[in-house]
């Protein structure tokens, strides 16, 4: 039987972390996959990866599906257009937003699925399947069944989003500096790749025997050792909550019982101490929240995405209605890629 061809499309370095489990699942089936980047990321590929660099090469590859975590995808590429998302809903605008490029949305859990299904019934130009998020596949296979007790000394993971209107990095910098110098806790600091250089350099300069500044591309690598995460309005905090450990946030745009949310820097230290005590009501709320955003913990989301694509194609590969014309977005994408055929 002739092998199926797939294509991964990305425009950011985080694409690899999300797509790698799907890459493994495709190859385990005996099928083939290539990568196309419209932005950074290609430089991080492995030596045996297939990289396509032109639309002509994509057409010759002729994938049955183009899979991406991006919000848009080239409409002129062949194959079913599939979105896997690049993060959980953090309360920022336009997470649940239909841009008219996709045939199939692969959602992470009931919270998102319900909203996307409602829109699919109304608009009828895309299909929705709840598959789980492939980025977490390996993570779940390595995650302990029970939450490890707080280490001594505890490790605090600090992470901030890049958007100036949502980031608490500058506001909480003095507190992170002060607390990292007491020696009571160990700190690991990681900032969004798009964080401005001045802020990044300030935090990097804090490195001492109690504070490490991490350049890790995949923040999941830092979760196992952390006892508490501190953040603001970042989708990464939802990922951390799936470890069943507490998160302290500063002026989160969508606070809830699963978070310890503060709005004054002087409350930062007391909030961390509360998180380290792991009160039962908080831990129960974290468990409930995790079940709503990603109940599947079997590490097989990538496989479910491929099965969803198979079913979509077997059922005709079309939705009841055509996608919207979307002329302005399509024009901008063609201009960006300089492709006019």
C-alpha atoms as a PDB file:
ATOM      1  CA  UNK A   1       0.000   0.000   0.000  1.00  0.00           C
ATOM      2  CA  UNK A   2       1.295   3.434  -0.927  1.00  0.00           C
ATOM      3  CA  UNK A   3       2.259   5.530   2.089  1.00  0.00           C
ATOM      4  CA  UNK A   4       0.233   8.621   2.952  1.00  0.00           C
ATOM      5  CA  UNK A   5       1.892  12.024   2.913  1.00  0.00           C
ATOM      6  CA  UNK A   6       1.259  14.646   5.612  1.00  0.00           C
ATOM      7  CA  UNK A   7       2.567  18.199   6.011  1.00  0.00           C
ATOM      8  CA  UNK A   8       3.293  20.196   9.179  1.00  0.00           C
ATOM      9  CA  UNK A   9       2.991  23.956   8.731  1.00  0.00           C
ATOM     10  CA  UNK A  10       4.478  26.394  11.236  1.00  0.00           C
ATOM     11  CA  UNK A  11       5.662  29.942  11.710  1.00  0.00           C
ATOM     12  CA  UNK A  12       7.118  29.749  15.236  1.00  0.00           C
ATOM     13  CA  UNK A  13       9.739  27.604  16.974  1.00  0.00           C
ATOM     14  CA  UNK A  14       7.094  26.103  19.275  1.00  0.00           C
ATOM     15  CA  UNK A  15       5.689  24.201  16.272  1.00  0.00           C
ATOM     16  CA  UNK A  16       8.108  21.311  16.781  1.00  0.00           C
ATOM     17  CA  UNK A  17       7.180  20.706  20.421  1.00  0.00           C
ATOM     18  CA  UNK A  18       3.519  20.368  19.426  1.00  0.00           C
ATOM     19  CA  UNK A  19       4.014  18.370  16.219  1.00  0.00           C
ATOM     20  CA  UNK A  20       6.681  15.854  17.297  1.00  0.00           C
ATOM     21  CA  UNK A  21       4.226  13.317  18.792  1.00  0.00           C
ATOM     22  CA  UNK A  22       2.184  13.432  15.554  1.00  0.00           C
ATOM     23  CA  UNK A  23       5.425  12.999  13.605  1.00  0.00           C
ATOM     24  CA  UNK A  24       6.140   9.818  15.591  1.00  0.00           C
ATOM     25  CA  UNK A  25       2.570   8.524  15.150  1.00  0.00           C
ATOM     26  CA  UNK A  26       2.675   9.080  11.373  1.00  0.00           C
ATOM     27  CA  UNK A  27       5.982   7.249  11.004  1.00  0.00           C
ATOM     28  CA  UNK A  28       4.774   4.400  13.239  1.00  0.00           C
ATOM     29  CA  UNK A  29       2.033   3.841  10.659  1.00  0.00           C
ATOM     30  CA  UNK A  30       4.596   3.623   7.865  1.00  0.00           C
ATOM     31  CA  UNK A  31       3.518   6.976   6.422  1.00  0.00           C
ATOM     32  CA  UNK A  32       5.592  10.086   5.673  1.00  0.00           C
ATOM     33  CA  UNK A  33       5.586  13.699   6.821  1.00  0.00           C
ATOM     34  CA  UNK A  34       7.328  16.876   5.690  1.00  0.00           C
ATOM     35  CA  UNK A  35       7.705  20.295   7.295  1.00  0.00           C
ATOM     36  CA  UNK A  36       7.130  23.785   5.886  1.00  0.00           C
ATOM     37  CA  UNK A  37       7.972  26.944   7.839  1.00  0.00           C
ATOM     38  CA  UNK A  38       6.750  30.448   7.097  1.00  0.00           C
ATOM     39  CA  UNK A  39       8.884  31.904   9.885  1.00  0.00           C
ATOM     40  CA  UNK A  40      11.445  30.588  12.402  1.00  0.00           C
ATOM     41  CA  UNK A  41      11.689  26.917  13.284  1.00  0.00           C
ATOM     42  CA  UNK A  42      13.316  25.166  10.333  1.00  0.00           C
ATOM     43  CA  UNK A  43      16.759  25.667  11.865  1.00  0.00           C
ATOM     44  CA  UNK A  44      15.788  23.349  14.742  1.00  0.00           C
ATOM     45  CA  UNK A  45      14.738  20.381  12.581  1.00  0.00           C
ATOM     46  CA  UNK A  46      16.497  17.036  12.877  1.00  0.00           C
ATOM     47  CA  UNK A  47      18.831  15.736  10.200  1.00  0.00           C
ATOM     48  CA  UNK A  48      16.348  13.119   8.965  1.00  0.00           C
ATOM     49  CA  UNK A  49      13.380  15.524   8.736  1.00  0.00           C
ATOM     50  CA  UNK A  50      12.059  16.455   5.310  1.00  0.00           C
ATOM     51  CA  UNK A  51      11.927  20.231   4.845  1.00  0.00           C
ATOM     52  CA  UNK A  52       9.980  21.768   1.966  1.00  0.00           C
ATOM     53  CA  UNK A  53      10.840  25.364   1.075  1.00  0.00           C
ATOM     54  CA  UNK A  54       8.476  26.277  -1.766  1.00  0.00           C
ATOM     55  CA  UNK A  55       4.811  25.936  -2.641  1.00  0.00           C
ATOM     56  CA  UNK A  56       5.822  23.916  -5.698  1.00  0.00           C
ATOM     57  CA  UNK A  57       7.532  21.382  -3.445  1.00  0.00           C
ATOM     58  CA  UNK A  58       4.402  21.217  -1.273  1.00  0.00           C
ATOM     59  CA  UNK A  59       2.245  20.588  -4.339  1.00  0.00           C
ATOM     60  CA  UNK A  60       4.566  17.800  -5.449  1.00  0.00           C
ATOM     61  CA  UNK A  61       4.494  16.301  -1.930  1.00  0.00           C
ATOM     62  CA  UNK A  62       0.686  16.371  -2.205  1.00  0.00           C
ATOM     63  CA  UNK A  63      -0.224  15.821   1.459  1.00  0.00           C
ATOM     64  CA  UNK A  64      -3.576  14.362   2.420  1.00  0.00           C
ATOM     65  CA  UNK A  65      -3.603  16.768   5.365  1.00  0.00           C
ATOM     66  CA  UNK A  66      -1.838  19.933   6.483  1.00  0.00           C
ATOM     67  CA  UNK A  67      -1.585  19.985  10.275  1.00  0.00           C
ATOM     68  CA  UNK A  68      -0.670  23.130  12.178  1.00  0.00           C
ATOM     69  CA  UNK A  69      -0.890  24.783  15.595  1.00  0.00           C
ATOM     70  CA  UNK A  70      -1.198  28.143  13.807  1.00  0.00           C
ATOM     71  CA  UNK A  71      -4.321  30.270  13.570  1.00  0.00           C
ATOM     72  CA  UNK A  72      -4.079  30.354   9.767  1.00  0.00           C
ATOM     73  CA  UNK A  73      -2.796  27.992   7.093  1.00  0.00           C
ATOM     74  CA  UNK A  74      -2.139  28.502   3.358  1.00  0.00           C
ATOM     75  CA  UNK A  75      -5.452  27.789   1.668  1.00  0.00           C
ATOM     76  CA  UNK A  76      -3.649  26.946  -1.595  1.00  0.00           C
ATOM     77  CA  UNK A  77      -1.821  23.961  -0.086  1.00  0.00           C
ATOM     78  CA  UNK A  78      -3.375  20.577  -0.999  1.00  0.00           C
ATOM     79  CA  UNK A  79      -4.968  18.435   1.683  1.00  0.00           C
ATOM     80  CA  UNK A  80      -7.396  18.722   4.591  1.00  0.00           C
ATOM     81  CA  UNK A  81      -6.525  21.713   6.794  1.00  0.00           C
ATOM     82  CA  UNK A  82      -6.284  20.715  10.463  1.00  0.00           C
ATOM     83  CA  UNK A  83      -5.680  22.904  13.515  1.00  0.00           C
ATOM     84  CA  UNK A  84      -4.264  21.458  16.744  1.00  0.00           C
ATOM     85  CA  UNK A  85      -3.880  24.814  18.607  1.00  0.00           C
ATOM     86  CA  UNK A  86      -0.717  26.252  20.143  1.00  0.00           C
ATOM     87  CA  UNK A  87      -1.964  26.539  23.702  1.00  0.00           C
ATOM     88  CA  UNK A  88      -4.917  26.436  26.056  1.00  0.00           C
ATOM     89  CA  UNK A  89      -7.431  29.244  26.421  1.00  0.00           C
ATOM     90  CA  UNK A  90      -5.723  31.658  28.814  1.00  0.00           C
ATOM     91  CA  UNK A  91      -8.442  34.271  28.741  1.00  0.00           C
ATOM     92  CA  UNK A  92      -6.848  36.273  25.945  1.00  0.00           C
ATOM     93  CA  UNK A  93      -9.028  37.473  23.063  1.00  0.00           C
ATOM     94  CA  UNK A  94      -9.844  35.206  20.159  1.00  0.00           C
ATOM     95  CA  UNK A  95      -9.014  31.731  21.388  1.00  0.00           C
ATOM     96  CA  UNK A  96     -12.487  30.584  20.348  1.00  0.00           C
ATOM     97  CA  UNK A  97     -12.372  32.321  16.996  1.00  0.00           C
ATOM     98  CA  UNK A  98     -13.062  30.931  13.544  1.00  0.00           C
ATOM     99  CA  UNK A  99     -10.811  32.392  10.870  1.00  0.00           C
ATOM    100  CA  UNK A 100     -12.245  30.427   7.956  1.00  0.00           C
ATOM    101  CA  UNK A 101      -9.122  28.442   7.019  1.00  0.00           C
ATOM    102  CA  UNK A 102      -9.716  25.034   8.594  1.00  0.00           C
ATOM    103  CA  UNK A 103     -11.715  21.942   7.708  1.00  0.00           C
ATOM    104  CA  UNK A 104     -11.100  20.204  11.034  1.00  0.00           C
ATOM    105  CA  UNK A 105     -10.438  21.486  14.561  1.00  0.00           C
ATOM    106  CA  UNK A 106      -8.905  18.992  17.014  1.00  0.00           C
ATOM    107  CA  UNK A 107      -9.827  20.266  20.455  1.00  0.00           C
ATOM    108  CA  UNK A 108      -8.144  19.529  23.777  1.00  0.00           C
ATOM    109  CA  UNK A 109     -11.064  18.957  26.132  1.00  0.00           C
ATOM    110  CA  UNK A 110     -14.774  19.508  26.902  1.00  0.00           C
ATOM    111  CA  UNK A 111     -14.397  23.202  27.749  1.00  0.00           C
ATOM    112  CA  UNK A 112     -13.235  24.086  24.222  1.00  0.00           C
ATOM    113  CA  UNK A 113     -15.100  21.325  22.420  1.00  0.00           C
ATOM    114  CA  UNK A 114     -18.498  22.565  23.551  1.00  0.00           C
ATOM    115  CA  UNK A 115     -17.874  26.058  22.206  1.00  0.00           C
ATOM    116  CA  UNK A 116     -16.374  24.924  18.899  1.00  0.00           C
ATOM    117  CA  UNK A 117     -19.159  22.391  18.301  1.00  0.00           C
ATOM    118  CA  UNK A 118     -21.779  25.099  18.844  1.00  0.00           C
ATOM    119  CA  UNK A 119     -20.059  27.259  16.217  1.00  0.00           C
ATOM    120  CA  UNK A 120     -19.694  24.282  13.839  1.00  0.00           C
ATOM    121  CA  UNK A 121     -23.447  23.639  13.987  1.00  0.00           C
ATOM    122  CA  UNK A 122     -24.118  27.290  13.234  1.00  0.00           C
ATOM    123  CA  UNK A 123     -21.525  27.891  10.480  1.00  0.00           C
ATOM    124  CA  UNK A 124     -21.294  24.361   9.003  1.00  0.00           C
ATOM    125  CA  UNK A 125     -17.962  24.913   7.208  1.00  0.00           C
ATOM    126  CA  UNK A 126     -15.736  23.003   9.643  1.00  0.00           C
ATOM    127  CA  UNK A 127     -15.806  19.832  11.731  1.00  0.00           C
ATOM    128  CA  UNK A 128     -14.745  19.359  15.365  1.00  0.00           C
ATOM    129  CA  UNK A 129     -13.294  16.334  17.164  1.00  0.00           C
ATOM    130  CA  UNK A 130     -12.005  16.213  20.719  1.00  0.00           C
ATOM    131  CA  UNK A 131      -8.611  14.517  20.546  1.00  0.00           C
ATOM    132  CA  UNK A 132      -6.457  16.043  23.268  1.00  0.00           C
ATOM    133  CA  UNK A 133      -3.316  18.103  22.672  1.00  0.00           C
ATOM    134  CA  UNK A 134      -0.379  16.239  21.092  1.00  0.00           C
ATOM    135  CA  UNK A 135       2.255  18.410  22.779  1.00  0.00           C
ATOM    136  CA  UNK A 136       1.364  16.705  26.071  1.00  0.00           C
ATOM    137  CA  UNK A 137       1.606  13.091  24.872  1.00  0.00           C
ATOM    138  CA  UNK A 138       5.121  12.338  26.109  1.00  0.00           C
ATOM    139  CA  UNK A 139       4.554  14.555  29.145  1.00  0.00           C
ATOM    140  CA  UNK A 140       1.589  12.441  30.290  1.00  0.00           C
ATOM    141  CA  UNK A 141       3.484   9.187  29.853  1.00  0.00           C
ATOM    142  CA  UNK A 142       6.188  10.507  32.210  1.00  0.00           C
ATOM    143  CA  UNK A 143       3.868  12.204  34.720  1.00  0.00           C
ATOM    144  CA  UNK A 144       3.676  10.439  38.123  1.00  0.00           C
ATOM    145  CA  UNK A 145       0.284   9.057  39.071  1.00  0.00           C
ATOM    146  CA  UNK A 146       0.427  10.830  42.431  1.00  0.00           C
ATOM    147  CA  UNK A 147       1.527  14.404  43.054  1.00  0.00           C
ATOM    148  CA  UNK A 148       4.988  14.452  44.584  1.00  0.00           C
ATOM    149  CA  UNK A 149       5.287  16.157  47.996  1.00  0.00           C
ATOM    150  CA  UNK A 150       6.839  19.618  48.136  1.00  0.00           C
ATOM    151  CA  UNK A 151      10.634  19.407  48.003  1.00  0.00           C
ATOM    152  CA  UNK A 152      12.967  21.024  50.503  1.00  0.00           C
ATOM    153  CA  UNK A 153      13.895  23.594  49.470  1.00  0.00           C
ATOM    154  CA  UNK A 154      10.869  24.096  47.201  1.00  0.00           C
ATOM    155  CA  UNK A 155      11.355  25.081  43.557  1.00  0.00           C
ATOM    156  CA  UNK A 156       9.367  28.031  42.195  1.00  0.00           C
ATOM    157  CA  UNK A 157       8.936  28.294  38.426  1.00  0.00           C
ATOM    158  CA  UNK A 158       8.361  31.866  37.243  1.00  0.00           C
ATOM    159  CA  UNK A 159       7.003  32.376  33.727  1.00  0.00           C
ATOM    160  CA  UNK A 160       5.471  35.430  32.084  1.00  0.00           C
ATOM    161  CA  UNK A 161       3.677  36.078  28.828  1.00  0.00           C
ATOM    162  CA  UNK A 162       5.127  38.656  26.421  1.00  0.00           C
ATOM    163  CA  UNK A 163       2.203  41.032  25.897  1.00  0.00           C
ATOM    164  CA  UNK A 164       2.913  44.267  27.840  1.00  0.00           C
ATOM    165  CA  UNK A 165      -0.762  44.627  28.805  1.00  0.00           C
ATOM    166  CA  UNK A 166      -0.859  41.151  30.399  1.00  0.00           C
ATOM    167  CA  UNK A 167       2.725  40.550  31.525  1.00  0.00           C
ATOM    168  CA  UNK A 168       3.630  40.982  35.208  1.00  0.00           C
ATOM    169  CA  UNK A 169       7.356  40.514  34.611  1.00  0.00           C
ATOM    170  CA  UNK A 170       8.357  44.130  35.221  1.00  0.00           C
ATOM    171  CA  UNK A 171       5.950  44.542  38.141  1.00  0.00           C
ATOM    172  CA  UNK A 172       7.087  41.411  39.950  1.00  0.00           C
ATOM    173  CA  UNK A 173      10.781  41.699  39.063  1.00  0.00           C
ATOM    174  CA  UNK A 174      11.711  43.349  42.416  1.00  0.00           C
ATOM    175  CA  UNK A 175       9.920  40.593  44.338  1.00  0.00           C
ATOM    176  CA  UNK A 176      11.533  37.801  42.324  1.00  0.00           C
ATOM    177  CA  UNK A 177      14.913  39.483  42.890  1.00  0.00           C
ATOM    178  CA  UNK A 178      14.346  39.844  46.640  1.00  0.00           C
ATOM    179  CA  UNK A 179      12.959  36.360  47.197  1.00  0.00           C
ATOM    180  CA  UNK A 180      15.668  34.693  45.127  1.00  0.00           C
ATOM    181  CA  UNK A 181      18.309  36.271  47.340  1.00  0.00           C
ATOM    182  CA  UNK A 182      16.945  34.878  50.625  1.00  0.00           C
ATOM    183  CA  UNK A 183      17.942  31.313  49.768  1.00  0.00           C
ATOM    184  CA  UNK A 184      14.682  29.903  51.153  1.00  0.00           C
ATOM    185  CA  UNK A 185      13.459  28.706  47.740  1.00  0.00           C
ATOM    186  CA  UNK A 186      15.031  27.693  44.461  1.00  0.00           C
ATOM    187  CA  UNK A 187      13.867  29.652  41.415  1.00  0.00           C
ATOM    188  CA  UNK A 188      13.684  28.844  37.720  1.00  0.00           C
ATOM    189  CA  UNK A 189      12.749  31.776  35.455  1.00  0.00           C
ATOM    190  CA  UNK A 190      11.604  31.393  31.864  1.00  0.00           C
ATOM    191  CA  UNK A 191      10.053  34.109  29.714  1.00  0.00           C
ATOM    192  CA  UNK A 192       8.059  33.951  26.503  1.00  0.00           C
ATOM    193  CA  UNK A 193      10.394  33.955  23.447  1.00  0.00           C
ATOM    194  CA  UNK A 194       8.904  37.275  22.285  1.00  0.00           C
ATOM    195  CA  UNK A 195       9.602  39.072  25.584  1.00  0.00           C
ATOM    196  CA  UNK A 196      11.529  42.288  24.954  1.00  0.00           C
ATOM    197  CA  UNK A 197      15.303  42.065  25.315  1.00  0.00           C
ATOM    198  CA  UNK A 198      15.530  44.582  28.160  1.00  0.00           C
ATOM    199  CA  UNK A 199      13.185  42.595  30.419  1.00  0.00           C
ATOM    200  CA  UNK A 200      14.844  39.318  29.464  1.00  0.00           C
ATOM    201  CA  UNK A 201      18.298  40.681  30.273  1.00  0.00           C
ATOM    202  CA  UNK A 202      17.146  42.011  33.667  1.00  0.00           C
ATOM    203  CA  UNK A 203      15.918  38.592  34.739  1.00  0.00           C
ATOM    204  CA  UNK A 204      18.936  36.819  33.288  1.00  0.00           C
ATOM    205  CA  UNK A 205      21.188  39.085  35.339  1.00  0.00           C
ATOM    206  CA  UNK A 206      19.504  37.762  38.511  1.00  0.00           C
ATOM    207  CA  UNK A 207      21.122  34.345  38.115  1.00  0.00           C
ATOM    208  CA  UNK A 208      22.698  33.171  41.357  1.00  0.00           C
ATOM    209  CA  UNK A 209      22.992  29.925  43.313  1.00  0.00           C
ATOM    210  CA  UNK A 210      19.229  30.111  44.004  1.00  0.00           C
ATOM    211  CA  UNK A 211      17.965  31.283  40.588  1.00  0.00           C
ATOM    212  CA  UNK A 212      18.406  29.745  37.155  1.00  0.00           C
ATOM    213  CA  UNK A 213      17.318  31.546  33.976  1.00  0.00           C
ATOM    214  CA  UNK A 214      16.154  28.895  31.511  1.00  0.00           C
ATOM    215  CA  UNK A 215      16.239  29.209  27.718  1.00  0.00           C
ATOM    216  CA  UNK A 216      14.344  25.910  27.248  1.00  0.00           C
ATOM    217  CA  UNK A 217      12.193  25.918  24.099  1.00  0.00           C
ATOM    218  CA  UNK A 218       9.727  23.491  25.660  1.00  0.00           C
ATOM    219  CA  UNK A 219       8.514  24.736  29.035  1.00  0.00           C
ATOM    220  CA  UNK A 220       7.150  21.269  29.845  1.00  0.00           C
ATOM    221  CA  UNK A 221      10.738  20.236  30.561  1.00  0.00           C
ATOM    222  CA  UNK A 222      10.688  22.502  33.616  1.00  0.00           C
ATOM    223  CA  UNK A 223       7.433  21.276  35.174  1.00  0.00           C
ATOM    224  CA  UNK A 224       8.595  18.108  36.904  1.00  0.00           C
ATOM    225  CA  UNK A 225      10.983  19.804  39.329  1.00  0.00           C
ATOM    226  CA  UNK A 226       8.723  22.782  40.088  1.00  0.00           C
ATOM    227  CA  UNK A 227       6.502  22.755  43.174  1.00  0.00           C
ATOM    228  CA  UNK A 228       4.648  25.968  42.283  1.00  0.00           C
ATOM    229  CA  UNK A 229       4.332  28.034  39.128  1.00  0.00           C
ATOM    230  CA  UNK A 230       4.000  31.825  39.171  1.00  0.00           C
ATOM    231  CA  UNK A 231       2.617  33.574  36.105  1.00  0.00           C
ATOM    232  CA  UNK A 232       0.106  36.165  34.860  1.00  0.00           C
ATOM    233  CA  UNK A 233      -2.123  35.454  31.831  1.00  0.00           C
ATOM    234  CA  UNK A 234      -0.264  32.715  29.972  1.00  0.00           C
ATOM    235  CA  UNK A 235      -1.600  29.525  28.421  1.00  0.00           C
ATOM    236  CA  UNK A 236       1.393  27.731  29.967  1.00  0.00           C
ATOM    237  CA  UNK A 237      -0.212  27.955  33.402  1.00  0.00           C
ATOM    238  CA  UNK A 238      -3.020  25.656  32.228  1.00  0.00           C
ATOM    239  CA  UNK A 239      -0.392  23.149  31.132  1.00  0.00           C
ATOM    240  CA  UNK A 240       1.211  23.335  34.571  1.00  0.00           C
ATOM    241  CA  UNK A 241      -2.135  22.818  36.325  1.00  0.00           C
ATOM    242  CA  UNK A 242      -2.341  19.434  34.584  1.00  0.00           C
ATOM    243  CA  UNK A 243       0.537  18.343  36.865  1.00  0.00           C
ATOM    244  CA  UNK A 244      -1.987  18.888  39.713  1.00  0.00           C
ATOM    245  CA  UNK A 245       0.287  21.478  41.346  1.00  0.00           C
ATOM    246  CA  UNK A 246      -0.671  25.079  42.280  1.00  0.00           C
ATOM    247  CA  UNK A 247      -0.239  28.262  40.268  1.00  0.00           C
ATOM    248  CA  UNK A 248       0.019  31.824  41.600  1.00  0.00           C
ATOM    249  CA  UNK A 249      -1.047  34.504  39.105  1.00  0.00           C
ATOM    250  CA  UNK A 250      -0.908  38.286  39.003  1.00  0.00           C
ATOM    251  CA  UNK A 251      -4.062  39.974  37.659  1.00  0.00           C
ATOM    252  CA  UNK A 252      -5.071  36.961  35.590  1.00  0.00           C
ATOM    253  CA  UNK A 253      -7.684  37.838  32.972  1.00  0.00           C
ATOM    254  CA  UNK A 254      -9.805  34.836  33.897  1.00  0.00           C
ATOM    255  CA  UNK A 255      -9.157  33.926  37.533  1.00  0.00           C
ATOM    256  CA  UNK A 256     -10.963  31.025  39.128  1.00  0.00           C
ATOM    257  CA  UNK A 257     -10.798  28.715  42.132  1.00  0.00           C
ATOM    258  CA  UNK A 258      -7.986  26.742  40.451  1.00  0.00           C
ATOM    259  CA  UNK A 259      -5.643  29.749  40.793  1.00  0.00           C
ATOM    260  CA  UNK A 260      -4.284  31.882  43.618  1.00  0.00           C
ATOM    261  CA  UNK A 261      -4.665  35.252  41.924  1.00  0.00           C
ATOM    262  CA  UNK A 262      -3.239  38.482  43.376  1.00  0.00           C
ATOM    263  CA  UNK A 263      -3.256  42.111  42.270  1.00  0.00           C
ATOM    264  CA  UNK A 264      -0.546  43.625  44.502  1.00  0.00           C
ATOM    265  CA  UNK A 265       3.185  42.787  44.499  1.00  0.00           C
ATOM    266  CA  UNK A 266       3.225  42.660  48.312  1.00  0.00           C
ATOM    267  CA  UNK A 267       0.835  39.685  48.144  1.00  0.00           C
ATOM    268  CA  UNK A 268       3.282  37.666  46.007  1.00  0.00           C
ATOM    269  CA  UNK A 269       5.223  36.017  48.834  1.00  0.00           C
ATOM    270  CA  UNK A 270       2.150  35.154  50.966  1.00  0.00           C
ATOM    271  CA  UNK A 271       0.471  33.665  47.872  1.00  0.00           C
ATOM    272  CA  UNK A 272       3.471  31.424  47.203  1.00  0.00           C
ATOM    273  CA  UNK A 273       3.447  30.262  50.822  1.00  0.00           C
ATOM    274  CA  UNK A 274      -0.251  29.461  50.496  1.00  0.00           C
ATOM    275  CA  UNK A 275       0.408  27.505  47.302  1.00  0.00           C
ATOM    276  CA  UNK A 276       3.192  25.516  48.951  1.00  0.00           C
ATOM    277  CA  UNK A 277       0.783  24.533  51.739  1.00  0.00           C
ATOM    278  CA  UNK A 278      -1.512  22.947  49.109  1.00  0.00           C
ATOM    279  CA  UNK A 279      -4.903  23.593  50.734  1.00  0.00           C
ATOM    280  CA  UNK A 280      -7.498  20.940  49.896  1.00  0.00           C
ATOM    281  CA  UNK A 281     -10.051  23.302  48.326  1.00  0.00           C
ATOM    282  CA  UNK A 282      -7.398  24.587  45.931  1.00  0.00           C
ATOM    283  CA  UNK A 283      -6.163  21.106  45.030  1.00  0.00           C
ATOM    284  CA  UNK A 284      -9.736  19.914  44.369  1.00  0.00           C
ATOM    285  CA  UNK A 285     -10.350  22.917  42.110  1.00  0.00           C
ATOM    286  CA  UNK A 286      -7.129  22.177  40.183  1.00  0.00           C
ATOM    287  CA  UNK A 287      -8.252  18.580  39.630  1.00  0.00           C
ATOM    288  CA  UNK A 288     -11.660  19.701  38.348  1.00  0.00           C
ATOM    289  CA  UNK A 289     -10.124  22.317  36.037  1.00  0.00           C
ATOM    290  CA  UNK A 290      -7.729  19.768  34.531  1.00  0.00           C
ATOM    291  CA  UNK A 291     -10.614  17.439  33.714  1.00  0.00           C
ATOM    292  CA  UNK A 292     -12.411  20.266  31.888  1.00  0.00           C
ATOM    293  CA  UNK A 293      -9.515  21.267  29.624  1.00  0.00           C
ATOM    294  CA  UNK A 294      -7.762  17.930  29.010  1.00  0.00           C
ATOM    295  CA  UNK A 295      -9.312  14.781  30.521  1.00  0.00           C
ATOM    296  CA  UNK A 296      -7.269  12.387  28.359  1.00  0.00           C
ATOM    297  CA  UNK A 297      -4.057  11.472  30.158  1.00  0.00           C
ATOM    298  CA  UNK A 298      -3.062   8.409  28.126  1.00  0.00           C
ATOM    299  CA  UNK A 299      -0.513  10.127  25.861  1.00  0.00           C
ATOM    300  CA  UNK A 300      -2.365   9.157  22.672  1.00  0.00           C
ATOM    301  CA  UNK A 301      -3.684  12.512  21.431  1.00  0.00           C
ATOM    302  CA  UNK A 302      -1.490  12.396  18.309  1.00  0.00           C
ATOM    303  CA  UNK A 303      -2.982   9.058  17.323  1.00  0.00           C
ATOM    304  CA  UNK A 304      -6.512  10.384  17.871  1.00  0.00           C
ATOM    305  CA  UNK A 305      -5.745  13.328  15.565  1.00  0.00           C
ATOM    306  CA  UNK A 306      -4.686  10.967  12.769  1.00  0.00           C
ATOM    307  CA  UNK A 307      -7.812   8.869  13.330  1.00  0.00           C
ATOM    308  CA  UNK A 308      -9.959  12.025  13.189  1.00  0.00           C
ATOM    309  CA  UNK A 309      -8.344  12.959   9.875  1.00  0.00           C
ATOM    310  CA  UNK A 310      -8.984   9.446   8.547  1.00  0.00           C
ATOM    311  CA  UNK A 311     -12.659   9.636   9.499  1.00  0.00           C
ATOM    312  CA  UNK A 312     -13.058  13.090   7.962  1.00  0.00           C
ATOM    313  CA  UNK A 313     -11.567  11.918   4.653  1.00  0.00           C
ATOM    314  CA  UNK A 314     -13.531   8.637   4.692  1.00  0.00           C
ATOM    315  CA  UNK A 315     -16.732  10.658   5.145  1.00  0.00           C
ATOM    316  CA  UNK A 316     -16.042  12.638   1.991  1.00  0.00           C
ATOM    317  CA  UNK A 317     -13.476  15.178   3.169  1.00  0.00           C
ATOM    318  CA  UNK A 318     -15.963  18.041   3.011  1.00  0.00           C
ATOM    319  CA  UNK A 319     -18.218  20.011   5.315  1.00  0.00           C
ATOM    320  CA  UNK A 320     -21.859  20.894   4.555  1.00  0.00           C
ATOM    321  CA  UNK A 321     -20.939  24.451   3.538  1.00  0.00           C
ATOM    322  CA  UNK A 322     -17.933  25.986   1.836  1.00  0.00           C
ATOM    323  CA  UNK A 323     -15.481  28.061   3.849  1.00  0.00           C
ATOM    324  CA  UNK A 324     -15.941  31.845   3.622  1.00  0.00           C
ATOM    325  CA  UNK A 325     -14.136  33.689   0.833  1.00  0.00           C
ATOM    326  CA  UNK A 326     -11.825  35.366   3.341  1.00  0.00           C
ATOM    327  CA  UNK A 327     -10.310  37.436   0.536  1.00  0.00           C
ATOM    328  CA  UNK A 328      -8.312  39.933   2.608  1.00  0.00           C
ATOM    329  CA  UNK A 329      -6.637  37.312   4.804  1.00  0.00           C
ATOM    330  CA  UNK A 330      -5.901  35.129   1.790  1.00  0.00           C
ATOM    331  CA  UNK A 331      -4.412  38.083  -0.080  1.00  0.00           C
ATOM    332  CA  UNK A 332      -2.148  38.940   2.859  1.00  0.00           C
ATOM    333  CA  UNK A 333      -0.993  35.322   3.086  1.00  0.00           C
ATOM    334  CA  UNK A 334      -0.259  35.148  -0.641  1.00  0.00           C
ATOM    335  CA  UNK A 335       1.641  38.432  -0.458  1.00  0.00           C
ATOM    336  CA  UNK A 336       3.633  37.235   2.517  1.00  0.00           C
ATOM    337  CA  UNK A 337       4.587  34.014   0.708  1.00  0.00           C
ATOM    338  CA  UNK A 338       4.828  35.691  -2.704  1.00  0.00           C
ATOM    339  CA  UNK A 339       2.627  33.057  -4.321  1.00  0.00           C
ATOM    340  CA  UNK A 340       0.000  34.113  -6.862  1.00  0.00           C
ATOM    341  CA  UNK A 341      -0.899  31.000  -8.835  1.00  0.00           C
END
